[in-house]
Amino acid sequence: MKLLSADELEAELRDIGATRYHRLHPFHGLLHGGKCTKGQVQAWALNRYYYQAMIPIKDASLIARCDDSAIRREWRSRLHDHDGEHDDDGGIARWLKLTDGLGLDREHVTSLRGLLPGTKFAVEAYVHFVREKTLLEAIASSLTELFSPIIIGERVEGMLKGYDFVTAETLAYFAKRPPQAKKDSDFALDYVRRNARTPAEQRAVLAALEFKCGVLWSMLDALHFAYVAPGHIPPGAFVPSS
């Protein structure tokens, strides 16, 4: 691989999103198209909760190993966005309002007892990746946020149209995410453009984004296998009533 210009590197990163982002997964086609049962939507929200809950853990681990105070200051906003200032504030609290609105017992959701093994494995692999790889790779892995505003728009529109058990209040989590994701991805993209200076570093950056896309894709693979086809729910995982 030859050394790419910053613009060429960005184009490669955006191409990864265009071909590998989980927006293309069949489960999301069902979810956004109003084709899921209520139980399948519940299973998606319950399993996604673990990802939401572990994002601040991932971000805190990145901050802890960063010796640049400017990056730490910037990255701190992610903790605030997810954890909030108090128990009823922040992205995690809003996600629990989503699971509440879908009729899931909050204690069961937060206990993680109903998680799919595939969800647990994928999310924890992401946390370990950020802890163990270089800071450049860890930051690059967050660049799936470049593509999230599109999927959020599709999700909100499709779910409000397709499910009579979903309301705008239920989906309030997504109202604040597009501007947060844009701010975060703008910073991460600028950092990667400036700091991936060798072919090896650029290969690592591209591989990091591919890995993160794979994490999100594999989470949906697990959901599809358990709750759509062939419908094999692992022992101990959430069993829908509808």
Protein backbone atom coordinates (compact mmCIF):
# COMPACT_ATOMS: atom_id res chain seq x y z
CA MET A 1 0.00 0.00 0.00
CA LYS A 2 1.38 3.37 -1.01
CA LEU A 3 1.16 6.39 1.24
CA LEU A 4 -2.21 8.04 0.72
CA SER A 5 -2.95 11.72 0.91
CA ALA A 6 -5.28 12.75 3.74
CA ASP A 7 -8.12 13.10 1.22
CA GLU A 8 -7.42 9.66 -0.24
CA LEU A 9 -7.37 8.14 3.23
CA GLU A 10 -10.69 9.76 4.07
CA ALA A 11 -12.17 8.43 0.82
CA GLU A 12 -11.03 4.91 1.76
CA LEU A 13 -12.59 5.28 5.20
CA ARG A 14 -15.88 6.46 3.75
CA ASP A 15 -15.85 3.56 1.30
CA ILE A 16 -15.63 1.16 4.24
CA GLY A 17 -18.76 2.74 5.64
CA ALA A 18 -20.52 2.52 2.30
CA THR A 19 -19.84 -1.21 1.99
CA ARG A 20 -19.55 -2.55 5.56
CA TYR A 21 -21.71 -0.42 7.86
CA HIS A 22 -24.49 -2.35 9.58
CA ARG A 23 -27.10 -0.17 7.93
CA LEU A 24 -26.83 -2.77 5.14
CA HIS A 25 -27.57 -5.75 7.40
CA PRO A 26 -30.82 -7.66 6.66
CA PHE A 27 -31.97 -7.27 10.28
CA HIS A 28 -31.97 -3.50 9.92
CA GLY A 29 -33.98 -3.82 6.74
CA LEU A 30 -36.60 -5.68 8.74
CA LEU A 31 -36.41 -3.31 11.71
CA HIS A 32 -36.67 -0.10 9.71
CA GLY A 33 -39.22 -1.54 7.33
CA GLY A 34 -41.75 -2.34 10.05
CA LYS A 35 -41.32 -6.06 9.43
CA CYS A 36 -40.23 -7.10 12.94
CA THR A 37 -42.51 -8.43 15.66
CA LYS A 38 -42.64 -6.54 18.93
CA GLY A 39 -40.54 -9.30 20.49
CA GLN A 40 -37.86 -8.89 17.85
CA VAL A 41 -37.75 -5.12 18.44
CA GLN A 42 -37.50 -5.78 22.17
CA ALA A 43 -34.63 -8.21 21.61
CA TRP A 44 -32.79 -5.61 19.53
CA ALA A 45 -33.24 -2.89 22.19
CA LEU A 46 -32.26 -5.18 25.07
CA ASN A 47 -29.08 -6.39 23.36
CA ARG A 48 -28.13 -2.94 22.10
CA TYR A 49 -28.34 -1.68 25.69
CA TYR A 50 -25.11 -3.52 26.49
CA TYR A 51 -23.32 -1.70 23.69
CA GLN A 52 -24.65 1.66 24.92
CA ALA A 53 -23.69 0.88 28.51
CA MET A 54 -20.13 -0.10 27.60
CA ILE A 55 -19.35 2.90 25.40
CA PRO A 56 -18.37 5.09 28.41
CA ILE A 57 -16.17 2.25 29.70
CA LYS A 58 -14.48 2.15 26.32
CA ASP A 59 -14.08 5.93 26.21
CA ALA A 60 -12.76 6.13 29.77
CA SER A 61 -10.11 3.56 28.93
CA LEU A 62 -9.04 5.64 25.93
CA ILE A 63 -8.79 8.77 28.08
CA ALA A 64 -6.79 6.91 30.74
CA ARG A 65 -4.00 6.05 28.32
CA CYS A 66 -3.85 9.40 26.51
CA ASP A 67 -1.07 11.81 27.51
CA ASP A 68 -2.44 14.69 25.41
CA SER A 69 -4.67 16.91 27.56
CA ALA A 70 -6.37 18.44 24.52
CA ILE A 71 -7.53 15.02 23.34
CA ARG A 72 -8.63 14.11 26.87
CA ARG A 73 -10.69 17.29 27.11
CA GLU A 74 -12.35 16.58 23.78
CA TRP A 75 -13.02 12.93 24.56
CA ARG A 76 -14.53 13.77 27.98
CA SER A 77 -17.63 15.11 26.24
CA ARG A 78 -18.41 11.56 25.13
CA LEU A 79 -18.62 10.44 28.75
CA HIS A 80 -20.99 13.30 29.49
CA ASP A 81 -23.12 12.49 26.45
CA HIS A 82 -23.60 8.87 27.54
CA ASP A 83 -23.51 9.07 31.35
CA GLY A 84 -25.13 12.48 31.78
CA GLU A 85 -24.97 14.53 34.96
CA HIS A 86 -27.40 12.37 36.97
CA ASP A 87 -29.27 9.08 36.78
CA ASP A 88 -32.05 10.33 34.49
CA ASP A 89 -29.77 12.16 32.08
CA GLY A 90 -27.54 11.06 29.19
CA GLY A 91 -27.67 8.52 26.43
CA ILE A 92 -27.79 5.42 28.64
CA ALA A 93 -30.77 6.81 30.57
CA ARG A 94 -32.53 7.66 27.31
CA TRP A 95 -31.88 4.14 26.01
CA LEU A 96 -33.51 2.73 29.15
CA LYS A 97 -36.53 4.94 28.44
CA LEU A 98 -36.62 3.25 25.04
CA THR A 99 -36.61 -0.23 26.60
CA ASP A 100 -39.22 0.96 29.12
CA GLY A 101 -41.39 2.18 26.27
CA LEU A 102 -41.13 -1.20 24.58
CA GLY A 103 -42.46 -2.89 27.72
CA LEU A 104 -39.22 -4.42 28.96
CA ASP A 105 -38.51 -4.72 32.67
CA ARG A 106 -35.71 -2.27 33.45
CA GLU A 107 -34.08 -4.44 36.08
CA HIS A 108 -33.96 -7.33 33.63
CA VAL A 109 -32.39 -5.12 30.95
CA THR A 110 -29.71 -3.72 33.24
CA SER A 111 -28.97 -7.11 34.81
CA LEU A 112 -27.73 -8.26 31.36
CA ARG A 113 -29.18 -11.70 32.06
CA GLY A 114 -31.00 -11.81 28.73
CA LEU A 115 -28.03 -10.93 26.51
CA LEU A 116 -27.13 -13.05 23.52
CA PRO A 117 -23.62 -14.53 23.85
CA GLY A 118 -22.81 -13.02 20.45
CA THR A 119 -23.68 -9.55 21.73
CA LYS A 120 -21.50 -9.94 24.81
CA PHE A 121 -18.58 -11.26 22.79
CA ALA A 122 -18.76 -8.49 20.16
CA VAL A 123 -19.09 -5.61 22.62
CA GLU A 124 -16.30 -6.84 24.85
CA ALA A 125 -14.07 -7.38 21.83
CA TYR A 126 -14.54 -3.70 20.99
CA VAL A 127 -13.67 -2.58 24.53
CA HIS A 128 -10.54 -4.74 24.48
CA PHE A 129 -9.57 -3.38 21.06
CA VAL A 130 -9.63 0.21 22.33
CA ARG A 131 -7.66 -0.75 25.44
CA GLU A 132 -4.98 -2.71 23.64
CA LYS A 133 -4.40 -1.08 20.26
CA THR A 134 -2.60 2.18 19.57
CA LEU A 135 -4.34 5.45 20.32
CA LEU A 136 -4.55 6.11 16.58
CA GLU A 137 -6.36 2.79 16.00
CA ALA A 138 -8.62 3.33 19.00
CA ILE A 139 -9.71 6.74 17.72
CA ALA A 140 -10.12 5.42 14.16
CA SER A 141 -12.44 2.68 15.40
CA SER A 142 -14.92 5.35 16.51
CA LEU A 143 -15.37 6.56 12.93
CA THR A 144 -18.53 4.51 12.42
CA GLU A 145 -20.10 7.71 13.79
CA LEU A 146 -19.48 9.23 10.36
CA PHE A 147 -22.31 7.06 9.08
CA SER A 148 -24.71 6.99 12.04
CA PRO A 149 -26.85 10.06 11.19
CA ILE A 150 -28.15 8.28 8.09
CA ILE A 151 -29.12 5.12 9.93
CA ILE A 152 -30.72 7.13 12.74
CA GLY A 153 -32.91 9.03 10.29
CA GLU A 154 -34.01 5.79 8.65
CA ARG A 155 -34.61 4.16 12.02
CA VAL A 156 -36.80 6.89 13.49
CA GLU A 157 -38.87 7.36 10.35
CA GLY A 158 -39.28 3.65 9.71
CA MET A 159 -40.10 2.64 13.27
CA LEU A 160 -42.63 5.43 13.83
CA LYS A 161 -44.32 4.48 10.59
CA GLY A 162 -44.11 0.72 11.02
CA TYR A 163 -44.96 0.02 14.67
CA ASP A 164 -48.01 1.14 16.61
CA PHE A 165 -46.19 0.33 19.87
CA VAL A 166 -43.41 2.88 19.17
CA THR A 167 -43.78 6.61 19.85
CA ALA A 168 -41.57 9.64 19.35
CA GLU A 169 -41.03 9.67 23.13
CA THR A 170 -39.87 6.06 23.01
CA LEU A 171 -37.27 7.01 20.40
CA ALA A 172 -36.11 10.18 22.19
CA TYR A 173 -32.59 8.74 22.49
CA PHE A 174 -32.03 9.34 18.80
CA ALA A 175 -33.01 13.04 18.83
CA LYS A 176 -29.66 14.12 20.32
CA ARG A 177 -27.38 11.63 18.63
CA PRO A 178 -26.89 13.14 15.12
CA PRO A 179 -25.27 16.40 16.31
CA GLN A 180 -23.22 14.54 18.93
CA ALA A 181 -22.06 11.99 16.37
CA LYS A 182 -21.12 14.71 13.89
CA LYS A 183 -19.07 16.61 16.48
CA ASP A 184 -17.32 13.44 17.62
CA SER A 185 -16.65 12.10 14.13
CA ASP A 186 -15.37 15.47 12.89
CA PHE A 187 -12.77 15.45 15.67
CA ALA A 188 -11.79 11.80 15.15
CA LEU A 189 -11.55 12.15 11.38
CA ASP A 190 -9.35 15.24 11.67
CA TYR A 191 -7.10 13.40 14.14
CA VAL A 192 -6.76 10.38 11.86
CA ARG A 193 -6.10 12.52 8.78
CA ARG A 194 -3.29 14.35 10.59
CA ASN A 195 -1.71 11.43 12.45
CA ALA A 196 -1.81 8.48 10.05
CA ARG A 197 1.48 9.46 8.39
CA THR A 198 2.89 6.17 7.11
CA PRO A 199 1.46 3.37 4.96
CA ALA A 200 1.52 1.08 8.01
CA GLU A 201 -0.41 3.58 10.12
CA GLN A 202 -2.93 4.11 7.34
CA ARG A 203 -3.44 0.36 6.96
CA ALA A 204 -3.99 0.13 10.71
CA VAL A 205 -6.56 2.95 10.62
CA LEU A 206 -8.51 1.28 7.82
CA ALA A 207 -8.38 -2.07 9.60
CA ALA A 208 -9.63 -0.45 12.81
CA LEU A 209 -12.71 0.90 11.08
CA GLU A 210 -13.30 -2.44 9.37
CA PHE A 211 -13.06 -4.12 12.78
CA LYS A 212 -15.63 -1.75 14.32
CA CYS A 213 -18.01 -2.30 11.40
CA GLY A 214 -17.56 -6.01 12.01
CA VAL A 215 -18.49 -5.60 15.67
CA LEU A 216 -21.76 -3.89 14.79
CA TRP A 217 -22.48 -6.37 11.98
CA SER A 218 -21.85 -9.40 14.18
CA MET A 219 -24.25 -8.07 16.81
CA LEU A 220 -26.99 -8.08 14.20
CA ASP A 221 -25.93 -11.52 12.96
CA ALA A 222 -26.54 -12.81 16.49
CA LEU A 223 -29.96 -11.14 16.64
CA HIS A 224 -30.98 -12.46 13.23
CA PHE A 225 -29.88 -16.02 14.03
CA ALA A 226 -31.68 -16.06 17.38
CA TYR A 227 -34.87 -14.16 16.61
CA VAL A 228 -35.45 -14.30 12.84
CA ALA A 229 -33.91 -17.33 11.11
CA PRO A 230 -33.39 -20.06 12.05
CA GLY A 231 -34.72 -18.71 15.36
CA HIS A 232 -32.40 -20.58 17.72
CA ILE A 233 -32.43 -18.62 20.98
CA PRO A 234 -29.45 -19.58 23.17
CA PRO A 235 -30.07 -20.85 26.71
CA GLY A 236 -30.57 -17.96 29.12
CA ALA A 237 -31.16 -15.34 26.44
CA PHE A 238 -34.26 -13.15 26.28
CA VAL A 239 -37.34 -15.00 25.05
CA PRO A 240 -40.01 -12.73 23.55
CA SER A 241 -43.62 -13.18 24.50
CA SER A 242 -44.78 -11.95 21.08
